[in-house]
N, C-alpha and C. Protein backbone atom coordinates (compact mmCIF):
# COMPACT_ATOMS: atom_id res chain seq x y z
N MET A 1 118.10 80.76 127.87
CA MET A 1 117.13 80.83 128.93
C MET A 1 115.99 79.88 128.58
N THR A 2 115.71 78.95 129.46
CA THR A 2 114.64 77.98 129.26
C THR A 2 113.36 78.52 129.87
N MET A 3 112.27 78.43 129.11
CA MET A 3 110.97 78.89 129.57
C MET A 3 110.01 77.72 129.55
N ILE A 4 108.90 77.87 130.25
CA ILE A 4 107.93 76.77 130.36
C ILE A 4 106.56 77.27 129.91
N TYR A 5 105.90 76.45 129.11
CA TYR A 5 104.53 76.72 128.65
C TYR A 5 103.69 75.53 129.08
N THR A 6 102.54 75.78 129.70
CA THR A 6 101.68 74.70 130.17
C THR A 6 100.51 74.52 129.21
N ARG A 7 100.35 73.27 128.76
CA ARG A 7 99.27 72.94 127.83
C ARG A 7 98.67 71.62 128.27
N ASP A 8 97.40 71.58 128.56
CA ASP A 8 96.70 70.37 129.02
C ASP A 8 97.41 69.73 130.22
N ASN A 9 97.78 70.55 131.16
CA ASN A 9 98.48 70.11 132.38
C ASN A 9 99.81 69.43 132.09
N VAL A 10 100.39 69.73 130.95
CA VAL A 10 101.72 69.21 130.59
C VAL A 10 102.63 70.42 130.41
N GLN A 11 103.77 70.36 131.06
CA GLN A 11 104.72 71.47 130.94
C GLN A 11 105.65 71.22 129.76
N ILE A 12 105.75 72.23 128.90
CA ILE A 12 106.58 72.14 127.70
C ILE A 12 107.68 73.19 127.83
N GLN A 13 108.91 72.76 127.70
CA GLN A 13 110.05 73.67 127.80
C GLN A 13 110.41 74.18 126.40
N TYR A 14 110.74 75.46 126.34
CA TYR A 14 111.15 76.07 125.08
C TYR A 14 112.12 77.20 125.33
N THR A 15 112.81 77.61 124.27
CA THR A 15 113.71 78.76 124.33
C THR A 15 113.44 79.65 123.13
N LEU A 16 113.93 80.87 123.20
CA LEU A 16 113.85 81.78 122.07
C LEU A 16 115.25 81.93 121.48
N LYS A 17 115.40 81.61 120.21
CA LYS A 17 116.67 81.76 119.51
C LYS A 17 116.51 82.86 118.48
N THR A 18 116.82 84.07 118.89
CA THR A 18 116.68 85.22 117.99
C THR A 18 118.05 85.59 117.42
N ASN A 19 118.02 86.34 116.34
CA ASN A 19 119.26 86.81 115.73
C ASN A 19 119.20 88.33 115.70
N PRO A 20 119.98 89.03 116.45
CA PRO A 20 121.00 88.66 117.44
C PRO A 20 120.33 88.14 118.72
N PRO A 21 121.07 87.42 119.56
CA PRO A 21 120.49 86.82 120.76
C PRO A 21 119.83 87.82 121.71
N GLU A 22 120.38 89.04 121.80
CA GLU A 22 119.79 90.00 122.73
C GLU A 22 118.47 90.58 122.23
N ALA A 23 118.06 90.24 121.01
CA ALA A 23 116.81 90.76 120.44
C ALA A 23 115.59 90.25 121.19
N MET A 24 115.72 89.15 121.92
CA MET A 24 114.56 88.64 122.67
C MET A 24 114.11 89.63 123.76
N TYR A 25 114.96 90.56 124.12
CA TYR A 25 114.62 91.55 125.14
C TYR A 25 114.13 92.87 124.54
N TRP A 26 114.25 93.04 123.26
CA TRP A 26 113.85 94.28 122.60
C TRP A 26 112.34 94.30 122.39
N THR A 27 111.74 95.46 122.57
CA THR A 27 110.31 95.59 122.30
C THR A 27 110.06 95.83 120.81
N THR A 28 111.07 96.27 120.09
CA THR A 28 110.90 96.57 118.66
C THR A 28 111.17 95.37 117.76
N HIS A 29 111.66 94.27 118.33
CA HIS A 29 111.98 93.09 117.53
C HIS A 29 110.70 92.36 117.13
N ASN A 30 110.58 92.01 115.86
CA ASN A 30 109.43 91.25 115.39
C ASN A 30 109.72 89.77 115.56
N LEU A 31 109.08 89.17 116.53
CA LEU A 31 109.28 87.76 116.81
C LEU A 31 108.66 86.92 115.71
N LYS A 32 109.34 85.83 115.34
CA LYS A 32 108.82 84.91 114.33
C LYS A 32 108.61 83.55 115.00
N LYS A 33 107.73 82.75 114.41
CA LYS A 33 107.50 81.42 114.97
C LYS A 33 108.76 80.57 114.90
N THR A 34 109.61 80.83 113.93
CA THR A 34 110.84 80.05 113.79
C THR A 34 111.84 80.36 114.89
N ASP A 35 111.63 81.47 115.60
CA ASP A 35 112.52 81.82 116.72
C ASP A 35 112.24 80.96 117.96
N ILE A 36 111.08 80.32 118.01
CA ILE A 36 110.69 79.51 119.17
C ILE A 36 111.18 78.09 118.95
N LYS A 37 112.07 77.63 119.83
CA LYS A 37 112.63 76.28 119.74
C LYS A 37 112.13 75.46 120.93
N LEU A 38 111.46 74.36 120.63
CA LEU A 38 110.93 73.49 121.69
C LEU A 38 112.02 72.55 122.17
N ILE A 39 112.18 72.48 123.47
CA ILE A 39 113.14 71.53 124.07
C ILE A 39 112.46 70.20 124.31
N THR A 40 111.20 70.24 124.74
CA THR A 40 110.43 69.02 124.96
C THR A 40 110.12 68.40 123.60
N LYS A 41 110.40 67.13 123.45
CA LYS A 41 110.21 66.43 122.17
C LYS A 41 108.75 66.07 121.97
N THR A 42 108.22 66.45 120.83
CA THR A 42 106.86 66.09 120.41
C THR A 42 106.88 65.81 118.92
N ASP A 43 105.77 65.25 118.41
CA ASP A 43 105.73 65.01 116.97
C ASP A 43 105.58 66.35 116.24
N ARG A 44 105.82 66.33 114.96
CA ARG A 44 105.94 67.56 114.17
C ARG A 44 104.67 68.41 114.18
N GLN A 45 103.52 67.75 114.00
CA GLN A 45 102.26 68.49 113.94
C GLN A 45 101.93 69.13 115.29
N THR A 46 102.12 68.39 116.36
CA THR A 46 101.87 68.92 117.70
C THR A 46 102.84 70.06 118.01
N ALA A 47 104.09 69.90 117.62
CA ALA A 47 105.10 70.94 117.84
C ALA A 47 104.70 72.23 117.14
N ALA A 48 104.17 72.12 115.93
CA ALA A 48 103.74 73.31 115.18
C ALA A 48 102.57 74.00 115.90
N GLN A 49 101.63 73.22 116.42
CA GLN A 49 100.50 73.79 117.14
C GLN A 49 100.97 74.48 118.42
N ILE A 50 101.87 73.83 119.15
CA ILE A 50 102.39 74.40 120.40
C ILE A 50 103.16 75.68 120.11
N ARG A 51 103.97 75.65 119.06
CA ARG A 51 104.75 76.84 118.68
C ARG A 51 103.81 78.01 118.36
N GLN A 52 102.71 77.72 117.66
CA GLN A 52 101.73 78.76 117.32
C GLN A 52 101.07 79.30 118.60
N GLU A 53 100.74 78.42 119.54
CA GLU A 53 100.12 78.85 120.80
C GLU A 53 101.07 79.73 121.60
N ILE A 54 102.33 79.32 121.67
CA ILE A 54 103.33 80.11 122.40
C ILE A 54 103.51 81.47 121.74
N PHE A 55 103.58 81.47 120.42
CA PHE A 55 103.73 82.72 119.66
C PHE A 55 102.56 83.66 119.93
N ASP A 56 101.33 83.14 119.85
CA ASP A 56 100.14 83.96 120.10
C ASP A 56 100.13 84.49 121.53
N ASP A 57 100.56 83.65 122.47
CA ASP A 57 100.59 84.06 123.87
C ASP A 57 101.59 85.20 124.09
N ILE A 58 102.76 85.08 123.50
CA ILE A 58 103.79 86.12 123.64
C ILE A 58 103.31 87.42 122.99
N ILE A 59 102.77 87.33 121.80
CA ILE A 59 102.32 88.52 121.07
C ILE A 59 101.18 89.21 121.81
N SER A 60 100.28 88.43 122.42
CA SER A 60 99.14 89.04 123.11
C SER A 60 99.58 89.81 124.35
N ARG A 61 100.73 89.47 124.93
CA ARG A 61 101.20 90.14 126.14
C ARG A 61 102.19 91.27 125.86
N GLU A 62 102.54 91.49 124.61
CA GLU A 62 103.49 92.54 124.26
C GLU A 62 102.89 93.91 124.54
N PRO A 63 103.69 94.87 125.04
CA PRO A 63 103.15 96.19 125.33
C PRO A 63 102.78 96.98 124.07
N ASN A 64 103.47 96.78 122.98
CA ASN A 64 103.21 97.50 121.74
C ASN A 64 102.54 96.56 120.75
N GLN A 65 101.26 96.30 120.96
CA GLN A 65 100.57 95.32 120.13
C GLN A 65 100.29 95.82 118.72
N ARG A 66 100.28 97.13 118.52
CA ARG A 66 99.98 97.66 117.20
C ARG A 66 101.01 97.18 116.18
N LYS A 67 102.29 97.14 116.57
CA LYS A 67 103.33 96.70 115.66
C LYS A 67 103.37 95.18 115.56
N LYS A 68 102.94 94.49 116.60
CA LYS A 68 103.07 93.04 116.65
C LYS A 68 101.78 92.34 116.24
N TYR A 69 100.82 93.05 115.71
CA TYR A 69 99.52 92.46 115.39
C TYR A 69 99.64 91.43 114.27
N THR A 70 99.06 90.28 114.51
CA THR A 70 98.95 89.27 113.47
C THR A 70 97.48 88.99 113.27
N PRO A 71 96.97 89.08 112.04
CA PRO A 71 95.55 88.87 111.83
C PRO A 71 95.15 87.43 112.11
N SER A 72 93.91 87.25 112.52
CA SER A 72 93.43 85.90 112.79
C SER A 72 93.30 85.14 111.48
N ALA A 73 93.13 83.83 111.57
CA ALA A 73 93.12 82.97 110.39
C ALA A 73 91.93 83.27 109.47
N ASP A 74 90.81 83.70 110.03
CA ASP A 74 89.63 83.91 109.22
C ASP A 74 89.49 85.34 108.68
N SER A 75 90.39 86.23 109.06
CA SER A 75 90.31 87.61 108.58
C SER A 75 91.26 87.83 107.40
N VAL A 76 90.94 88.82 106.61
CA VAL A 76 91.77 89.17 105.46
C VAL A 76 92.46 90.48 105.79
N SER A 77 93.76 90.52 105.63
CA SER A 77 94.49 91.75 105.94
C SER A 77 94.16 92.82 104.91
N LYS A 78 94.35 94.09 105.30
CA LYS A 78 94.04 95.20 104.41
C LYS A 78 94.86 95.14 103.15
N ARG A 79 96.10 94.70 103.26
CA ARG A 79 97.00 94.69 102.12
C ARG A 79 96.56 93.70 101.04
N SER A 80 95.95 92.58 101.43
CA SER A 80 95.61 91.56 100.45
C SER A 80 94.25 91.78 99.81
N LYS A 81 93.50 92.77 100.28
CA LYS A 81 92.21 93.05 99.67
C LYS A 81 92.43 93.68 98.30
N ALA A 82 91.66 93.22 97.33
CA ALA A 82 91.77 93.76 95.98
C ALA A 82 90.87 94.98 95.87
N THR A 83 91.45 96.14 95.77
CA THR A 83 90.69 97.36 95.58
C THR A 83 91.21 98.09 94.36
N ASN A 84 90.35 98.81 93.75
CA ASN A 84 90.73 99.59 92.58
C ASN A 84 91.03 101.01 93.07
N SER A 85 92.29 101.28 93.30
CA SER A 85 92.67 102.57 93.87
C SER A 85 92.52 103.70 92.85
N LYS A 86 92.62 104.93 93.34
CA LYS A 86 92.52 106.10 92.47
C LYS A 86 93.63 106.11 91.43
N HIS A 87 94.82 105.71 91.87
CA HIS A 87 95.96 105.71 90.94
C HIS A 87 95.74 104.72 89.80
N ALA A 88 95.17 103.57 90.13
CA ALA A 88 94.92 102.57 89.09
C ALA A 88 93.87 103.06 88.11
N GLN A 89 92.86 103.77 88.60
CA GLN A 89 91.83 104.30 87.72
C GLN A 89 92.40 105.37 86.79
N VAL A 90 93.22 106.25 87.32
CA VAL A 90 93.84 107.30 86.51
C VAL A 90 94.76 106.67 85.47
N ARG A 91 95.53 105.67 85.90
CA ARG A 91 96.46 105.00 84.99
C ARG A 91 95.72 104.33 83.84
N SER A 92 94.59 103.68 84.12
CA SER A 92 93.85 103.02 83.05
C SER A 92 93.28 104.04 82.07
N LYS A 93 92.85 105.21 82.57
CA LYS A 93 92.36 106.26 81.68
C LYS A 93 93.48 106.77 80.78
N GLN A 94 94.67 106.95 81.36
CA GLN A 94 95.80 107.42 80.58
C GLN A 94 96.19 106.41 79.50
N GLN A 95 96.12 105.14 79.85
CA GLN A 95 96.46 104.10 78.87
C GLN A 95 95.46 104.09 77.73
N LYS A 96 94.18 104.27 78.05
CA LYS A 96 93.16 104.30 77.01
C LYS A 96 93.37 105.47 76.06
N THR A 97 93.69 106.65 76.61
CA THR A 97 93.91 107.81 75.73
C THR A 97 95.15 107.61 74.88
N ARG A 98 96.19 106.99 75.43
CA ARG A 98 97.40 106.70 74.63
C ARG A 98 97.06 105.77 73.48
N GLN A 99 96.27 104.75 73.75
CA GLN A 99 95.89 103.80 72.70
C GLN A 99 95.07 104.48 71.62
N GLN A 100 94.16 105.37 72.04
CA GLN A 100 93.35 106.08 71.07
C GLN A 100 94.20 107.00 70.22
N ASN A 101 95.17 107.68 70.84
CA ASN A 101 96.06 108.57 70.10
C ASN A 101 96.91 107.79 69.11
N LYS A 102 97.37 106.63 69.50
CA LYS A 102 98.17 105.80 68.59
C LYS A 102 97.34 105.36 67.40
N SER A 103 96.10 104.94 67.67
CA SER A 103 95.27 104.50 66.55
C SER A 103 94.95 105.65 65.60
N LYS A 104 94.79 106.87 66.13
CA LYS A 104 94.56 108.03 65.28
C LYS A 104 95.78 108.33 64.41
N LYS A 105 96.97 108.22 65.00
CA LYS A 105 98.20 108.45 64.25
C LYS A 105 98.36 107.43 63.14
N VAL A 106 98.04 106.18 63.44
CA VAL A 106 98.17 105.12 62.43
C VAL A 106 97.20 105.37 61.29
N GLU A 107 95.96 105.76 61.60
CA GLU A 107 94.97 106.05 60.57
C GLU A 107 95.41 107.24 59.71
N LYS A 108 95.91 108.26 60.37
CA LYS A 108 96.36 109.45 59.67
C LYS A 108 97.54 109.11 58.76
N HIS A 109 98.48 108.31 59.31
CA HIS A 109 99.65 107.93 58.54
C HIS A 109 99.26 107.04 57.36
N ALA A 110 98.29 106.16 57.54
CA ALA A 110 97.83 105.28 56.45
C ALA A 110 97.12 106.10 55.37
N ALA A 111 96.40 107.14 55.77
CA ALA A 111 95.70 107.97 54.79
C ALA A 111 96.68 108.80 53.97
N VAL A 112 97.78 109.22 54.54
CA VAL A 112 98.76 110.05 53.85
C VAL A 112 99.69 109.20 53.01
N GLN A 113 99.95 108.00 53.39
CA GLN A 113 100.97 107.15 52.78
C GLN A 113 100.79 106.93 51.27
N PRO A 114 99.62 106.53 50.77
CA PRO A 114 99.53 106.23 49.33
C PRO A 114 99.83 107.44 48.44
N ASN A 115 99.49 108.61 48.83
CA ASN A 115 99.70 109.80 48.01
C ASN A 115 101.05 110.45 48.26
N SER A 116 101.79 109.93 49.17
CA SER A 116 103.02 110.60 49.54
C SER A 116 104.20 110.23 48.63
N ARG A 117 104.02 109.37 47.68
CA ARG A 117 105.12 109.03 46.78
C ARG A 117 105.39 110.20 45.86
N ARG A 118 106.61 110.53 45.85
CA ARG A 118 106.98 111.65 45.00
C ARG A 118 107.90 111.13 43.91
N THR A 119 107.74 111.68 42.78
CA THR A 119 108.62 111.31 41.68
C THR A 119 109.64 112.39 41.49
N ARG A 120 110.79 111.98 41.13
CA ARG A 120 111.84 112.96 40.91
C ARG A 120 111.65 113.60 39.54
N ASN A 121 111.89 114.83 39.53
CA ASN A 121 111.90 115.54 38.25
C ASN A 121 113.32 115.50 37.73
N VAL A 122 113.50 114.64 36.78
CA VAL A 122 114.83 114.53 36.22
C VAL A 122 114.79 115.24 34.86
N SER A 123 115.54 116.28 34.75
CA SER A 123 115.56 117.02 33.50
C SER A 123 116.76 116.58 32.68
N LYS A 124 116.54 116.41 31.42
CA LYS A 124 117.59 116.03 30.50
C LYS A 124 117.97 117.12 29.60
């Protein structure tokens, strides 16, 4: 199916090549920019810009935008933010106590070691 996108009063023809082909009709399918194939020939950089515009246009008109949300270029997604979660804090505390326990065991073992040599009582 050939579709038309108008940009600067120029009509650009494109198609959607999804895998499987019937996925273009599904509301649950996550569309990718690589699924958009331009029929109208343009240079590579312009084609990439047009593909991005078409992608944004399609995504903005989708009924279920919550699943299809793509963050803008200047925003940082929640997943990429570096936060120190509760689990990481607990884990670091556990690691510190393990290290302290190991050092105590090593000190205790070093203190016992020199006196721990036993001589055999060999009777003749």
